[in-house]
Amino acid sequence: GLHVDLSISGCSDSDGEMMYSLDGEEKWFADFINHRGVEPQPSFIDHHSYVEGAYGQAVADQQTCRSNLKNSRVGMKDIPLEN
């Protein structure tokens, strides 16, 4: 059958999120507080691991996200609230 694969990535000035799921089950997320990737799968299943470097890529993606956020704020600074 068909599967639903989802990834979520986002940031703010002080926080960030990176997560992968499959069929509604969280498969991997970046724990930016403890500086590691987490695979919250129970020990009794056939464990799936993400490639080495997934956490490092998530950190790099957060830097890009924050840079884009800053650029958006600068670009929209003088746009009036009403047309």
Protein backbone atom coordinates (compact mmCIF):
# COMPACT_ATOMS: atom_id res chain seq x y z
CA GLY A 1 0.00 0.00 0.00
CA LEU A 2 0.85 3.66 0.04
CA HIS A 3 2.80 5.30 2.84
CA VAL A 4 2.80 8.85 4.16
CA ASP A 5 6.32 10.27 4.52
CA LEU A 6 6.64 13.63 6.28
CA SER A 7 9.47 15.94 7.25
CA ILE A 8 9.12 19.13 9.26
CA SER A 9 11.76 21.82 9.44
CA GLY A 10 11.39 25.27 10.91
CA CYS A 11 13.07 27.90 13.02
CA SER A 12 12.68 31.07 15.03
CA ASP A 13 15.29 33.36 16.55
CA SER A 14 15.57 31.12 19.60
CA ASP A 15 14.29 27.67 18.63
CA GLY A 16 14.22 25.14 15.82
CA GLU A 17 12.68 21.87 14.71
CA MET A 18 13.68 19.06 12.37
CA MET A 19 11.69 15.83 12.32
CA TYR A 20 11.01 12.89 10.00
CA SER A 21 8.00 10.58 10.27
CA LEU A 22 6.49 7.68 8.36
CA ASP A 23 2.80 6.80 8.51
CA GLY A 24 2.28 9.07 11.51
CA GLU A 25 5.14 7.55 13.54
CA GLU A 26 8.09 9.75 14.45
CA LYS A 27 11.25 8.14 13.02
CA TRP A 28 13.92 10.75 13.80
CA PHE A 29 14.22 14.23 15.26
CA ALA A 30 17.02 16.65 16.04
CA ASP A 31 17.46 17.35 19.74
CA PHE A 32 19.13 20.77 19.52
CA ILE A 33 19.32 21.08 23.31
CA ASN A 34 21.39 17.89 23.78
CA HIS A 35 23.14 18.21 20.39
CA ARG A 36 22.16 14.85 18.91
CA GLY A 37 19.75 13.06 16.63
CA VAL A 38 17.11 10.90 18.33
CA GLU A 39 15.47 7.78 16.89
CA PRO A 40 12.48 7.23 19.23
CA GLN A 41 11.68 3.74 17.94
CA PRO A 42 10.99 0.99 20.47
CA SER A 43 13.64 -1.71 20.86
CA PHE A 44 11.30 -4.55 19.80
CA ILE A 45 10.93 -3.41 16.17
CA ASP A 46 13.27 -3.76 13.20
CA HIS A 47 15.19 -0.56 13.87
CA HIS A 48 15.72 1.94 11.05
CA SER A 49 18.66 4.34 11.36
CA TYR A 50 19.31 7.55 9.48
CA VAL A 51 22.68 8.13 7.87
CA GLU A 52 25.56 9.49 9.87
CA GLY A 53 25.61 13.25 9.58
CA ALA A 54 21.83 13.73 9.75
CA TYR A 55 22.16 15.83 12.91
CA GLY A 56 24.94 17.94 11.38
CA GLN A 57 22.76 18.57 8.34
CA ALA A 58 19.88 19.59 10.62
CA VAL A 59 22.15 22.13 12.36
CA ALA A 60 23.26 23.52 8.98
CA ASP A 61 19.62 23.72 7.84
CA GLN A 62 18.76 25.72 10.99
CA GLN A 63 21.51 28.23 10.18
CA THR A 64 20.11 28.61 6.65
CA CYS A 65 16.58 28.96 8.04
CA ARG A 66 17.62 31.73 10.45
CA SER A 67 19.49 33.53 7.67
CA ASN A 68 16.40 33.35 5.45
CA LEU A 69 14.25 34.58 8.34
CA LYS A 70 16.55 37.58 8.83
CA ASN A 71 16.54 38.36 5.10
CA SER A 72 12.73 38.19 5.01
CA ARG A 73 12.47 40.64 7.90
CA VAL A 74 14.84 43.07 6.19
CA GLY A 75 13.02 42.74 2.85
CA MET A 76 9.59 43.26 4.39
CA LYS A 77 10.60 46.06 6.78
CA ASP A 78 9.12 48.93 4.78
CA ILE A 79 6.11 47.15 3.27
CA PRO A 80 2.90 48.82 4.51
CA LEU A 81 0.44 46.69 6.47
CA GLU A 82 -2.41 47.72 4.16
CA ASN A 83 -2.50 47.99 0.36
